[in-house]
Amino acid sequence: MGQKTLTRAAHHDLMPDPGERPLPRVDESSDALFYRQPRFVTHIDDAAIRAVTGLYREVLPPGGRVLDLMSSWVSHLPPEVEYARVVGLGMNEAELARNERLNAYVVHDLNADPRLPFADAEFDACTICVSIDYLTRPVSVLREVARVLTPGGPLVVTFSNRCFPTKAVLPWHRLDDAGHVSLVSGWLKEAGFVAVEGLDRSPAPGRSDPLFAVVGHAG
């Protein structure tokens, strides 16, 4: 892959869902401080990662334009599948620059500003891997995801039972795995996604990290 570019696109004019109140967390300090140091680790085990990759292989359109939202130094995309463009948006530039699947990346704090610096229908698919529980205004962000996807474009949200507990929103801590699936499904539906489906893709219950997913499509 050639040189990656740091994208600095202008925001669109309107803030989505200005009335959505941020969900509380134990640690309300700046996320920019928390994510200042790169973490070159994976947050689920190898079997769960393979489950994420397998789901992407099923759902993401080959040759499409993919937005890897809340990205890091790895994207878990199928290695044999080519995409027209993969853009990452995350909090740590060192991690994003290390990610070999990205053609371009944006350093952006979605909790400070849920707007996405991309054009309408700029992407054919979007992924959010083991990060949805850190969004304080999830519906605002997901409405933005729907805006930047082509009609019918899939959003694949994956999560496990691991997290940074002080940064995950408090409702996440009050729910079990089934509750997490229901919560995320509700966020997608409220944001306008259709054909929303919750999935249990745990590769080896009791022997590896559990893996759950919610898949929806832009209306």
N, C-alpha and C. Protein backbone atom coordinates (compact mmCIF):
# COMPACT_ATOMS: atom_id res chain seq x y z
N MET A 1 0.85 -1.19 0.00
CA MET A 1 0.00 0.00 0.00
C MET A 1 0.88 1.23 0.00
N GLY A 2 0.45 2.27 -0.70
CA GLY A 2 1.23 3.48 -0.79
C GLY A 2 1.12 4.31 0.47
N GLN A 3 1.67 5.52 0.40
CA GLN A 3 1.68 6.42 1.53
C GLN A 3 0.26 6.75 1.98
N LYS A 4 0.01 6.61 3.28
CA LYS A 4 -1.28 7.00 3.82
C LYS A 4 -1.32 8.51 3.98
N THR A 5 -2.51 9.07 3.94
CA THR A 5 -2.67 10.51 4.10
C THR A 5 -3.47 10.79 5.35
N LEU A 6 -3.10 11.86 6.03
CA LEU A 6 -3.87 12.36 7.16
C LEU A 6 -4.91 13.31 6.60
N THR A 7 -6.16 12.90 6.63
CA THR A 7 -7.24 13.68 6.04
C THR A 7 -7.71 14.74 7.03
N ARG A 8 -7.86 15.95 6.54
CA ARG A 8 -8.40 17.03 7.36
C ARG A 8 -9.53 17.69 6.57
N ALA A 9 -10.69 17.06 6.63
CA ALA A 9 -11.84 17.56 5.88
C ALA A 9 -12.67 18.50 6.75
N ALA A 10 -13.38 19.42 6.11
CA ALA A 10 -14.23 20.36 6.82
C ALA A 10 -15.50 19.66 7.29
N HIS A 11 -16.01 20.11 8.43
CA HIS A 11 -17.28 19.61 8.91
C HIS A 11 -18.43 20.16 8.07
N HIS A 12 -19.55 19.42 8.03
CA HIS A 12 -20.74 20.00 7.45
C HIS A 12 -21.36 20.95 8.48
N ASP A 13 -22.37 21.68 8.09
CA ASP A 13 -22.81 22.84 8.87
C ASP A 13 -23.58 22.51 10.14
N LEU A 14 -24.38 21.46 10.15
CA LEU A 14 -25.31 21.25 11.24
C LEU A 14 -24.83 20.16 12.19
N MET A 15 -24.96 20.42 13.49
CA MET A 15 -24.68 19.41 14.50
C MET A 15 -25.87 18.48 14.60
N PRO A 16 -25.68 17.17 14.42
CA PRO A 16 -26.81 16.25 14.54
C PRO A 16 -27.26 16.09 15.99
N ASP A 17 -28.53 15.92 16.18
CA ASP A 17 -29.10 15.65 17.50
C ASP A 17 -28.55 16.56 18.59
N PRO A 18 -28.71 17.89 18.46
CA PRO A 18 -28.14 18.77 19.49
C PRO A 18 -28.73 18.53 20.86
N GLY A 19 -29.91 17.89 20.92
CA GLY A 19 -30.54 17.66 22.20
C GLY A 19 -30.14 16.36 22.87
N GLU A 20 -29.36 15.51 22.22
CA GLU A 20 -28.98 14.24 22.84
C GLU A 20 -28.01 14.49 24.00
N ARG A 21 -28.41 14.10 25.18
CA ARG A 21 -27.58 14.33 26.36
C ARG A 21 -26.50 13.27 26.44
N PRO A 22 -25.25 13.68 26.71
CA PRO A 22 -24.17 12.69 26.79
C PRO A 22 -24.41 11.68 27.90
N LEU A 23 -24.11 10.42 27.61
CA LEU A 23 -24.20 9.38 28.62
C LEU A 23 -23.03 9.52 29.60
N PRO A 24 -23.27 9.30 30.89
CA PRO A 24 -22.20 9.50 31.88
C PRO A 24 -21.20 8.35 31.89
N ARG A 25 -20.02 8.66 32.41
CA ARG A 25 -18.94 7.68 32.58
C ARG A 25 -18.29 7.92 33.93
N VAL A 26 -17.54 6.95 34.40
CA VAL A 26 -16.80 7.14 35.65
C VAL A 26 -15.74 8.22 35.46
N ASP A 27 -15.02 8.16 34.36
CA ASP A 27 -13.95 9.10 34.07
C ASP A 27 -14.43 10.08 33.01
N GLU A 28 -14.73 11.30 33.43
CA GLU A 28 -15.21 12.32 32.50
C GLU A 28 -14.10 13.24 32.02
N SER A 29 -12.85 12.89 32.30
CA SER A 29 -11.73 13.70 31.82
C SER A 29 -11.60 13.57 30.32
N SER A 30 -10.80 14.44 29.72
CA SER A 30 -10.67 14.49 28.27
C SER A 30 -10.20 13.16 27.69
N ASP A 31 -10.91 12.69 26.67
CA ASP A 31 -10.49 11.47 25.99
C ASP A 31 -9.15 11.67 25.28
N ALA A 32 -8.88 12.90 24.88
CA ALA A 32 -7.59 13.18 24.23
C ALA A 32 -6.43 12.82 25.15
N LEU A 33 -6.59 13.01 26.44
CA LEU A 33 -5.55 12.65 27.39
C LEU A 33 -5.46 11.14 27.54
N PHE A 34 -6.61 10.48 27.63
CA PHE A 34 -6.64 9.03 27.84
C PHE A 34 -6.00 8.29 26.67
N TYR A 35 -6.25 8.77 25.45
CA TYR A 35 -5.76 8.07 24.26
C TYR A 35 -4.47 8.68 23.71
N ARG A 36 -3.82 9.52 24.51
CA ARG A 36 -2.61 10.20 24.03
C ARG A 36 -1.49 9.21 23.73
N GLN A 37 -1.33 8.19 24.57
CA GLN A 37 -0.29 7.19 24.36
C GLN A 37 -0.83 6.06 23.48
N PRO A 38 -0.09 5.66 22.45
CA PRO A 38 -0.56 4.56 21.60
C PRO A 38 -0.58 3.25 22.36
N ARG A 39 -1.54 2.40 21.99
CA ARG A 39 -1.65 1.06 22.58
C ARG A 39 -1.58 0.05 21.43
N PHE A 40 -0.42 -0.49 21.20
CA PHE A 40 -0.24 -1.45 20.11
C PHE A 40 -0.55 -2.86 20.62
N VAL A 41 -1.77 -3.04 21.06
CA VAL A 41 -2.25 -4.33 21.56
C VAL A 41 -3.61 -4.59 20.92
N THR A 42 -4.05 -5.84 20.97
CA THR A 42 -5.40 -6.16 20.55
C THR A 42 -6.27 -6.33 21.79
N HIS A 43 -7.54 -5.98 21.68
CA HIS A 43 -8.41 -5.92 22.85
C HIS A 43 -9.36 -7.12 22.95
N ILE A 44 -9.25 -8.05 22.02
CA ILE A 44 -9.91 -9.35 22.10
C ILE A 44 -8.91 -10.40 21.64
N ASP A 45 -9.17 -11.67 21.97
CA ASP A 45 -8.18 -12.70 21.66
C ASP A 45 -8.26 -13.12 20.18
N ASP A 46 -7.34 -13.97 19.78
CA ASP A 46 -7.20 -14.31 18.36
C ASP A 46 -8.45 -14.96 17.79
N ALA A 47 -9.10 -15.81 18.57
CA ALA A 47 -10.30 -16.48 18.06
C ALA A 47 -11.42 -15.47 17.82
N ALA A 48 -11.58 -14.52 18.72
CA ALA A 48 -12.60 -13.49 18.54
C ALA A 48 -12.26 -12.59 17.36
N ILE A 49 -10.97 -12.31 17.17
CA ILE A 49 -10.55 -11.51 16.01
C ILE A 49 -10.91 -12.23 14.72
N ARG A 50 -10.68 -13.53 14.68
CA ARG A 50 -11.04 -14.29 13.48
C ARG A 50 -12.54 -14.24 13.23
N ALA A 51 -13.33 -14.22 14.31
CA ALA A 51 -14.78 -14.11 14.16
C ALA A 51 -15.17 -12.76 13.58
N VAL A 52 -14.49 -11.69 14.02
CA VAL A 52 -14.74 -10.37 13.44
C VAL A 52 -14.42 -10.38 11.95
N THR A 53 -13.25 -10.92 11.60
CA THR A 53 -12.84 -10.97 10.20
C THR A 53 -13.82 -11.78 9.37
N GLY A 54 -14.29 -12.90 9.90
CA GLY A 54 -15.25 -13.71 9.18
C GLY A 54 -16.55 -12.97 8.92
N LEU A 55 -17.01 -12.21 9.90
CA LEU A 55 -18.23 -11.43 9.71
C LEU A 55 -18.03 -10.35 8.66
N TYR A 56 -16.89 -9.67 8.70
CA TYR A 56 -16.58 -8.68 7.67
C TYR A 56 -16.58 -9.32 6.28
N ARG A 57 -16.02 -10.52 6.20
CA ARG A 57 -15.96 -11.22 4.91
C ARG A 57 -17.38 -11.47 4.37
N GLU A 58 -18.32 -11.72 5.26
CA GLU A 58 -19.70 -11.97 4.85
C GLU A 58 -20.46 -10.71 4.47
N VAL A 59 -20.20 -9.61 5.17
CA VAL A 59 -21.08 -8.44 5.08
C VAL A 59 -20.52 -7.30 4.25
N LEU A 60 -19.23 -7.03 4.35
CA LEU A 60 -18.66 -5.86 3.66
C LEU A 60 -18.55 -6.13 2.17
N PRO A 61 -18.90 -5.17 1.32
CA PRO A 61 -18.84 -5.39 -0.12
C PRO A 61 -17.41 -5.34 -0.66
N PRO A 62 -16.92 -6.41 -1.28
CA PRO A 62 -15.59 -6.36 -1.90
C PRO A 62 -15.51 -5.21 -2.91
N GLY A 63 -14.39 -4.52 -2.90
CA GLY A 63 -14.22 -3.40 -3.81
C GLY A 63 -14.91 -2.13 -3.35
N GLY A 64 -15.55 -2.16 -2.19
CA GLY A 64 -16.26 -0.99 -1.70
C GLY A 64 -15.34 -0.03 -0.96
N ARG A 65 -15.92 1.11 -0.60
CA ARG A 65 -15.23 2.13 0.20
C ARG A 65 -15.66 1.93 1.65
N VAL A 66 -14.67 1.68 2.53
CA VAL A 66 -14.96 1.29 3.90
C VAL A 66 -14.48 2.36 4.87
N LEU A 67 -15.34 2.73 5.81
CA LEU A 67 -14.96 3.61 6.91
C LEU A 67 -14.76 2.76 8.15
N ASP A 68 -13.55 2.76 8.68
CA ASP A 68 -13.22 2.05 9.91
C ASP A 68 -13.29 3.07 11.04
N LEU A 69 -14.45 3.12 11.70
CA LEU A 69 -14.70 4.15 12.71
C LEU A 69 -14.17 3.70 14.07
N MET A 70 -13.59 4.66 14.80
CA MET A 70 -12.94 4.38 16.08
C MET A 70 -11.83 3.36 15.85
N SER A 71 -11.03 3.62 14.85
CA SER A 71 -10.00 2.72 14.36
C SER A 71 -8.75 2.78 15.22
N SER A 72 -7.86 1.82 15.00
CA SER A 72 -6.59 1.78 15.71
C SER A 72 -5.51 1.28 14.75
N TRP A 73 -4.57 0.49 15.25
CA TRP A 73 -3.43 0.06 14.43
C TRP A 73 -3.73 -1.19 13.61
N VAL A 74 -4.87 -1.83 13.86
CA VAL A 74 -5.32 -2.97 13.06
C VAL A 74 -6.82 -2.82 12.79
N SER A 75 -7.26 -3.33 11.64
CA SER A 75 -8.67 -3.21 11.26
C SER A 75 -9.39 -4.55 11.15
N HIS A 76 -8.67 -5.66 11.17
CA HIS A 76 -9.26 -7.01 11.13
C HIS A 76 -10.03 -7.29 9.84
N LEU A 77 -9.75 -6.55 8.79
CA LEU A 77 -10.39 -6.81 7.51
C LEU A 77 -9.82 -8.09 6.88
N PRO A 78 -10.61 -8.81 6.09
CA PRO A 78 -10.10 -10.02 5.45
C PRO A 78 -8.88 -9.71 4.59
N PRO A 79 -7.77 -10.39 4.80
CA PRO A 79 -6.54 -10.03 4.08
C PRO A 79 -6.62 -10.26 2.59
N GLU A 80 -7.48 -11.19 2.15
CA GLU A 80 -7.54 -11.52 0.73
C GLU A 80 -8.52 -10.65 -0.04
N VAL A 81 -9.28 -9.80 0.66
CA VAL A 81 -10.29 -8.98 0.01
C VAL A 81 -9.73 -7.58 -0.25
N GLU A 82 -9.90 -7.10 -1.47
CA GLU A 82 -9.47 -5.75 -1.80
C GLU A 82 -10.66 -4.80 -1.73
N TYR A 83 -10.41 -3.62 -1.19
CA TYR A 83 -11.42 -2.57 -1.10
C TYR A 83 -10.92 -1.35 -1.85
N ALA A 84 -11.85 -0.60 -2.41
CA ALA A 84 -11.45 0.58 -3.19
C ALA A 84 -10.71 1.59 -2.32
N ARG A 85 -11.16 1.72 -1.07
CA ARG A 85 -10.54 2.69 -0.16
C ARG A 85 -10.96 2.33 1.25
N VAL A 86 -10.00 2.41 2.17
CA VAL A 86 -10.29 2.21 3.58
C VAL A 86 -9.79 3.43 4.34
N VAL A 87 -10.69 4.10 5.03
CA VAL A 87 -10.35 5.30 5.79
C VAL A 87 -10.62 5.02 7.26
N GLY A 88 -9.64 5.33 8.10
CA GLY A 88 -9.80 5.15 9.53
C GLY A 88 -10.01 6.47 10.23
N LEU A 89 -10.86 6.46 11.24
CA LEU A 89 -11.04 7.62 12.12
C LEU A 89 -10.83 7.14 13.53
N GLY A 90 -9.88 7.75 14.23
CA GLY A 90 -9.57 7.32 15.58
C GLY A 90 -8.96 8.44 16.40
N MET A 91 -8.45 8.07 17.58
CA MET A 91 -7.97 9.06 18.53
C MET A 91 -6.46 9.20 18.58
N ASN A 92 -5.72 8.20 18.11
CA ASN A 92 -4.27 8.24 18.26
C ASN A 92 -3.60 8.13 16.90
N GLU A 93 -2.86 9.16 16.52
CA GLU A 93 -2.28 9.19 15.17
C GLU A 93 -1.21 8.12 14.98
N ALA A 94 -0.44 7.82 16.02
CA ALA A 94 0.60 6.80 15.88
C ALA A 94 -0.03 5.44 15.56
N GLU A 95 -1.14 5.12 16.20
CA GLU A 95 -1.83 3.86 15.90
C GLU A 95 -2.36 3.86 14.47
N LEU A 96 -3.01 4.94 14.07
CA LEU A 96 -3.59 4.99 12.73
C LEU A 96 -2.51 4.92 11.65
N ALA A 97 -1.39 5.57 11.89
CA ALA A 97 -0.30 5.56 10.91
C ALA A 97 0.29 4.16 10.76
N ARG A 98 0.20 3.33 11.79
CA ARG A 98 0.73 1.96 11.75
C ARG A 98 -0.20 1.01 10.99
N ASN A 99 -1.47 1.38 10.86
CA ASN A 99 -2.47 0.47 10.28
C ASN A 99 -2.25 0.31 8.78
N GLU A 100 -1.85 -0.89 8.37
CA GLU A 100 -1.48 -1.13 6.98
C GLU A 100 -2.68 -1.21 6.04
N ARG A 101 -3.90 -1.35 6.56
CA ARG A 101 -5.06 -1.44 5.69
C ARG A 101 -5.65 -0.08 5.34
N LEU A 102 -5.20 0.96 6.00
CA LEU A 102 -5.78 2.28 5.77
C LEU A 102 -5.12 2.98 4.60
N ASN A 103 -5.94 3.58 3.73
CA ASN A 103 -5.44 4.48 2.69
C ASN A 103 -5.31 5.90 3.21
N ALA A 104 -6.14 6.25 4.18
CA ALA A 104 -6.12 7.58 4.78
C ALA A 104 -6.71 7.47 6.18
N TYR A 105 -6.43 8.47 7.00
CA TYR A 105 -6.98 8.45 8.35
C TYR A 105 -7.26 9.87 8.84
N VAL A 106 -8.12 9.94 9.84
CA VAL A 106 -8.51 11.20 10.47
C VAL A 106 -8.37 11.04 11.98
N VAL A 107 -7.72 11.96 12.63
CA VAL A 107 -7.67 11.98 14.09
C VAL A 107 -8.81 12.88 14.56
N HIS A 108 -9.76 12.27 15.28
CA HIS A 108 -10.98 13.01 15.63
C HIS A 108 -11.63 12.39 16.86
N ASP A 109 -12.06 13.23 17.79
CA ASP A 109 -12.70 12.82 19.03
C ASP A 109 -14.22 12.91 18.85
N LEU A 110 -14.88 11.78 18.71
CA LEU A 110 -16.32 11.76 18.47
C LEU A 110 -17.12 12.17 19.70
N ASN A 111 -16.55 12.04 20.88
CA ASN A 111 -17.26 12.48 22.07
C ASN A 111 -17.21 14.00 22.23
N ALA A 112 -16.17 14.63 21.69
CA ALA A 112 -16.11 16.08 21.69
C ALA A 112 -16.96 16.66 20.58
N ASP A 113 -17.04 15.97 19.44
CA ASP A 113 -17.82 16.42 18.30
C ASP A 113 -18.26 15.21 17.50
N PRO A 114 -19.54 14.85 17.55
CA PRO A 114 -20.00 13.64 16.87
C PRO A 114 -20.12 13.76 15.36
N ARG A 115 -19.86 14.93 14.82
CA ARG A 115 -19.95 15.08 13.37
C ARG A 115 -18.79 14.36 12.68
N LEU A 116 -19.08 13.75 11.55
CA LEU A 116 -18.04 13.08 10.76
C LEU A 116 -17.59 14.00 9.63
N PRO A 117 -16.29 14.16 9.44
CA PRO A 117 -15.78 15.09 8.43
C PRO A 117 -15.73 14.45 7.04
N PHE A 118 -16.86 13.92 6.61
CA PHE A 118 -16.95 13.25 5.32
C PHE A 118 -18.22 13.69 4.60
N ALA A 119 -18.24 13.51 3.29
CA ALA A 119 -19.38 13.90 2.48
C ALA A 119 -20.50 12.88 2.58
N ASP A 120 -21.69 13.29 2.21
CA ASP A 120 -22.82 12.37 2.15
C ASP A 120 -22.49 11.22 1.20
N ALA A 121 -22.87 10.01 1.60
CA ALA A 121 -22.72 8.81 0.76
C ALA A 121 -21.29 8.60 0.27
N GLU A 122 -20.30 8.95 1.11
CA GLU A 122 -18.90 8.80 0.71
C GLU A 122 -18.40 7.36 0.85
N PHE A 123 -19.11 6.54 1.65
CA PHE A 123 -18.65 5.18 1.91
C PHE A 123 -19.75 4.16 1.60
N ASP A 124 -19.31 2.94 1.32
CA ASP A 124 -20.24 1.84 1.03
C ASP A 124 -20.47 0.95 2.24
N ALA A 125 -19.63 1.07 3.27
CA ALA A 125 -19.75 0.25 4.47
C ALA A 125 -18.98 0.91 5.59
N CYS A 126 -19.34 0.55 6.83
CA CYS A 126 -18.66 1.10 8.01
C CYS A 126 -18.51 0.00 9.05
N THR A 127 -17.42 0.03 9.78
CA THR A 127 -17.18 -0.90 10.88
C THR A 127 -16.88 -0.12 12.16
N ILE A 128 -17.35 -0.67 13.29
CA ILE A 128 -16.98 -0.17 14.61
C ILE A 128 -16.65 -1.40 15.44
N CYS A 129 -15.38 -1.58 15.76
CA CYS A 129 -14.93 -2.80 16.43
C CYS A 129 -14.56 -2.51 17.89
N VAL A 130 -15.22 -3.21 18.80
CA VAL A 130 -15.00 -3.16 20.25
C VAL A 130 -14.79 -1.74 20.77
N SER A 131 -15.65 -0.82 20.32
CA SER A 131 -15.51 0.58 20.73
C SER A 131 -16.84 1.28 20.96
N ILE A 132 -17.95 0.69 20.57
CA ILE A 132 -19.24 1.37 20.62
C ILE A 132 -19.58 1.82 22.04
N ASP A 133 -19.09 1.09 23.04
CA ASP A 133 -19.42 1.38 24.44
C ASP A 133 -18.74 2.63 24.97
N TYR A 134 -17.87 3.25 24.18
CA TYR A 134 -17.20 4.47 24.62
C TYR A 134 -17.87 5.74 24.09
N LEU A 135 -18.87 5.60 23.25
CA LEU A 135 -19.53 6.77 22.68
C LEU A 135 -20.52 7.36 23.68
N THR A 136 -20.34 8.63 24.00
CA THR A 136 -21.25 9.27 24.94
C THR A 136 -22.52 9.79 24.27
N ARG A 137 -22.47 10.02 22.97
CA ARG A 137 -23.66 10.41 22.21
C ARG A 137 -23.79 9.46 21.01
N PRO A 138 -24.11 8.20 21.28
CA PRO A 138 -24.06 7.19 20.22
C PRO A 138 -25.04 7.43 19.09
N VAL A 139 -26.24 7.89 19.38
CA VAL A 139 -27.23 8.08 18.32
C VAL A 139 -26.79 9.19 17.38
N SER A 140 -26.21 10.26 17.93
CA SER A 140 -25.69 11.34 17.08
C SER A 140 -24.63 10.82 16.12
N VAL A 141 -23.70 10.01 16.65
CA VAL A 141 -22.63 9.47 15.81
C VAL A 141 -23.22 8.53 14.77
N LEU A 142 -24.14 7.67 15.18
CA LEU A 142 -24.69 6.69 14.24
C LEU A 142 -25.54 7.36 13.17
N ARG A 143 -26.21 8.46 13.48
CA ARG A 143 -26.92 9.20 12.44
C ARG A 143 -25.94 9.78 11.42
N GLU A 144 -24.78 10.18 11.90
CA GLU A 144 -23.74 10.64 11.00
C GLU A 144 -23.23 9.49 10.13
N VAL A 145 -23.08 8.32 10.72
CA VAL A 145 -22.66 7.15 9.93
C VAL A 145 -23.67 6.89 8.82
N ALA A 146 -24.96 6.95 9.15
CA ALA A 146 -25.99 6.74 8.13
C ALA A 146 -25.89 7.77 7.02
N ARG A 147 -25.53 8.99 7.38
CA ARG A 147 -25.41 10.05 6.38
C ARG A 147 -24.28 9.78 5.39
N VAL A 148 -23.14 9.29 5.90
CA VAL A 148 -21.97 9.13 5.04
C VAL A 148 -21.97 7.80 4.29
N LEU A 149 -22.95 6.92 4.59
CA LEU A 149 -23.07 5.66 3.86
C LEU A 149 -24.00 5.80 2.65
N THR A 150 -23.73 5.03 1.64
CA THR A 150 -24.65 4.93 0.52
C THR A 150 -25.91 4.22 0.99
N PRO A 151 -27.08 4.48 0.37
CA PRO A 151 -28.31 3.80 0.78
C PRO A 151 -28.13 2.28 0.76
N GLY A 152 -28.51 1.65 1.86
CA GLY A 152 -28.36 0.20 1.97
C GLY A 152 -27.00 -0.24 2.45
N GLY A 153 -26.05 0.68 2.58
CA GLY A 153 -24.71 0.32 3.02
C GLY A 153 -24.72 -0.24 4.43
N PRO A 154 -23.96 -1.31 4.69
CA PRO A 154 -23.97 -1.94 6.01
C PRO A 154 -23.07 -1.25 7.02
N LEU A 155 -23.53 -1.26 8.27
CA LEU A 155 -22.72 -0.91 9.43
C LEU A 155 -22.58 -2.17 10.26
N VAL A 156 -21.34 -2.55 10.57
CA VAL A 156 -21.07 -3.74 11.37
C VAL A 156 -20.44 -3.29 12.69
N VAL A 157 -21.17 -3.48 13.79
CA VAL A 157 -20.70 -3.12 15.13
C VAL A 157 -20.40 -4.40 15.88
N THR A 158 -19.17 -4.57 16.33
CA THR A 158 -18.79 -5.76 17.09
C THR A 158 -18.32 -5.36 18.48
N PHE A 159 -18.55 -6.25 19.46
CA PHE A 159 -18.13 -5.96 20.83
C PHE A 159 -18.03 -7.26 21.61
N SER A 160 -17.31 -7.20 22.70
CA SER A 160 -17.11 -8.36 23.56
C SER A 160 -17.50 -7.99 24.98
N ASN A 161 -16.89 -8.65 25.97
CA ASN A 161 -17.15 -8.30 27.36
C ASN A 161 -15.97 -7.59 27.99
N ARG A 162 -15.04 -7.14 27.16
CA ARG A 162 -13.90 -6.38 27.64
C ARG A 162 -14.12 -4.90 27.36
N CYS A 163 -13.51 -4.05 28.20
CA CYS A 163 -13.57 -2.62 27.95
C CYS A 163 -12.61 -1.92 28.90
N PHE A 164 -12.37 -0.64 28.65
CA PHE A 164 -11.74 0.23 29.64
C PHE A 164 -12.87 0.70 30.55
N PRO A 165 -13.02 0.16 31.75
CA PRO A 165 -14.24 0.38 32.53
C PRO A 165 -14.52 1.83 32.87
N THR A 166 -13.49 2.63 33.07
CA THR A 166 -13.75 4.02 33.45
C THR A 166 -14.22 4.86 32.27
N LYS A 167 -13.99 4.38 31.05
CA LYS A 167 -14.37 5.16 29.86
C LYS A 167 -15.63 4.63 29.18
N ALA A 168 -16.05 3.42 29.50
CA ALA A 168 -17.31 2.91 28.95
C ALA A 168 -18.47 3.64 29.62
N VAL A 169 -19.53 3.90 28.87
CA VAL A 169 -20.67 4.63 29.42
C VAL A 169 -21.37 3.77 30.48
N LEU A 170 -21.94 4.41 31.47
CA LEU A 170 -22.50 3.68 32.61
C LEU A 170 -23.60 2.69 32.23
N PRO A 171 -24.49 3.00 31.26
CA PRO A 171 -25.49 1.98 30.90
C PRO A 171 -24.87 0.65 30.46
N TRP A 172 -23.69 0.69 29.88
CA TRP A 172 -23.03 -0.53 29.44
C TRP A 172 -22.73 -1.46 30.62
N HIS A 173 -22.33 -0.86 31.75
CA HIS A 173 -21.96 -1.66 32.91
C HIS A 173 -23.16 -2.33 33.56
N ARG A 174 -24.34 -1.81 33.34
CA ARG A 174 -25.54 -2.32 34.00
C ARG A 174 -26.18 -3.49 33.26
N LEU A 175 -25.64 -3.85 32.10
CA LEU A 175 -26.27 -4.83 31.23
C LEU A 175 -25.38 -6.06 31.03
N ASP A 176 -26.02 -7.21 30.75
CA ASP A 176 -25.28 -8.40 30.37
C ASP A 176 -25.10 -8.41 28.85
N ASP A 177 -24.58 -9.51 28.31
CA ASP A 177 -24.29 -9.57 26.87
C ASP A 177 -25.54 -9.36 26.04
N ALA A 178 -26.64 -10.02 26.41
CA ALA A 178 -27.88 -9.85 25.67
C ALA A 178 -28.37 -8.41 25.76
N GLY A 179 -28.17 -7.80 26.93
CA GLY A 179 -28.55 -6.40 27.08
C GLY A 179 -27.73 -5.48 26.20
N HIS A 180 -26.44 -5.79 26.04
CA HIS A 180 -25.60 -4.99 25.14
C HIS A 180 -26.10 -5.06 23.70
N VAL A 181 -26.46 -6.27 23.26
CA VAL A 181 -26.99 -6.44 21.90
C VAL A 181 -28.27 -5.62 21.73
N SER A 182 -29.14 -5.69 22.73
CA SER A 182 -30.40 -4.95 22.66
C SER A 182 -30.16 -3.44 22.67
N LEU A 183 -29.23 -2.99 23.50
CA LEU A 183 -28.92 -1.56 23.58
C LEU A 183 -28.39 -1.03 22.26
N VAL A 184 -27.40 -1.72 21.70
CA VAL A 184 -26.81 -1.27 20.44
C VAL A 184 -27.83 -1.35 19.31
N SER A 185 -28.64 -2.39 19.29
CA SER A 185 -29.68 -2.49 18.27
C SER A 185 -30.63 -1.30 18.35
N GLY A 186 -31.00 -0.91 19.56
CA GLY A 186 -31.87 0.23 19.73
C GLY A 186 -31.24 1.53 19.25
N TRP A 187 -29.94 1.70 19.51
CA TRP A 187 -29.25 2.89 19.01
C TRP A 187 -29.29 2.95 17.49
N LEU A 188 -29.02 1.81 16.84
CA LEU A 188 -29.03 1.80 15.37
C LEU A 188 -30.41 2.13 14.83
N LYS A 189 -31.44 1.55 15.42
CA LYS A 189 -32.79 1.82 14.94
C LYS A 189 -33.17 3.27 15.14
N GLU A 190 -32.80 3.84 16.28
CA GLU A 190 -33.10 5.25 16.54
C GLU A 190 -32.37 6.16 15.56
N ALA A 191 -31.19 5.72 15.11
CA ALA A 191 -30.41 6.50 14.17
C ALA A 191 -30.88 6.35 12.73
N GLY A 192 -31.88 5.49 12.49
CA GLY A 192 -32.45 5.35 11.16
C GLY A 192 -31.97 4.15 10.37
N PHE A 193 -31.20 3.26 11.00
CA PHE A 193 -30.77 2.05 10.30
C PHE A 193 -31.93 1.06 10.21
N VAL A 194 -31.93 0.28 9.14
CA VAL A 194 -33.00 -0.69 8.91
C VAL A 194 -32.40 -2.09 8.85
N ALA A 195 -33.28 -3.09 8.90
CA ALA A 195 -32.86 -4.50 8.87
C ALA A 195 -31.77 -4.75 9.90
N VAL A 196 -31.99 -4.21 11.11
CA VAL A 196 -31.01 -4.34 12.20
C VAL A 196 -31.09 -5.75 12.79
N GLU A 197 -29.94 -6.39 12.92
CA GLU A 197 -29.88 -7.77 13.38
C GLU A 197 -28.79 -7.93 14.42
N GLY A 198 -29.12 -8.53 15.57
CA GLY A 198 -28.13 -8.85 16.58
C GLY A 198 -27.63 -10.27 16.41
N LEU A 199 -26.33 -10.47 16.58
CA LEU A 199 -25.70 -11.76 16.32
C LEU A 199 -24.79 -12.16 17.47
N ASP A 200 -24.78 -13.43 17.77
CA ASP A 200 -23.79 -14.00 18.68
C ASP A 200 -22.78 -14.77 17.84
N ARG A 201 -21.57 -14.23 17.71
CA ARG A 201 -20.52 -14.86 16.92
C ARG A 201 -19.38 -15.36 17.81
N SER A 202 -19.69 -15.67 19.05
CA SER A 202 -18.67 -16.17 19.97
C SER A 202 -18.06 -17.44 19.41
N PRO A 203 -16.74 -17.48 19.22
CA PRO A 203 -16.12 -18.61 18.51
C PRO A 203 -16.02 -19.88 19.34
N ALA A 204 -15.83 -19.74 20.65
CA ALA A 204 -15.64 -20.93 21.49
C ALA A 204 -16.07 -20.57 22.90
N PRO A 205 -17.37 -20.61 23.19
CA PRO A 205 -17.87 -20.21 24.51
C PRO A 205 -17.12 -20.90 25.65
N GLY A 206 -16.66 -20.09 26.58
CA GLY A 206 -15.92 -20.61 27.73
C GLY A 206 -14.45 -20.81 27.49
N ARG A 207 -14.02 -20.75 26.21
CA ARG A 207 -12.61 -20.98 25.90
C ARG A 207 -11.96 -19.81 25.18
N SER A 208 -12.74 -18.82 24.78
CA SER A 208 -12.19 -17.61 24.17
C SER A 208 -13.11 -16.45 24.51
N ASP A 209 -12.69 -15.25 24.12
CA ASP A 209 -13.54 -14.09 24.35
C ASP A 209 -14.85 -14.23 23.60
N PRO A 210 -15.96 -13.85 24.20
CA PRO A 210 -17.22 -13.83 23.46
C PRO A 210 -17.20 -12.72 22.41
N LEU A 211 -17.99 -12.89 21.37
CA LEU A 211 -18.02 -11.88 20.32
C LEU A 211 -19.48 -11.71 19.86
N PHE A 212 -19.96 -10.50 19.97
CA PHE A 212 -21.32 -10.17 19.57
C PHE A 212 -21.29 -9.08 18.52
N ALA A 213 -22.33 -9.02 17.74
CA ALA A 213 -22.38 -8.03 16.66
C ALA A 213 -23.79 -7.54 16.48
N VAL A 214 -23.90 -6.31 16.01
CA VAL A 214 -25.16 -5.77 15.52
C VAL A 214 -24.88 -5.23 14.12
N VAL A 215 -25.67 -5.67 13.16
CA VAL A 215 -25.51 -5.24 11.76
C VAL A 215 -26.78 -4.52 11.34
N GLY A 216 -26.63 -3.36 10.75
CA GLY A 216 -27.77 -2.62 10.21
C GLY A 216 -27.39 -2.02 8.88
N HIS A 217 -28.39 -1.49 8.18
CA HIS A 217 -28.17 -0.93 6.85
C HIS A 217 -28.74 0.48 6.78
N ALA A 218 -28.01 1.38 6.14
CA ALA A 218 -28.44 2.75 6.01
C ALA A 218 -29.74 2.82 5.23
N GLY A 219 -30.71 3.58 5.73
CA GLY A 219 -32.01 3.70 5.06
C GLY A 219 -31.96 4.58 3.84
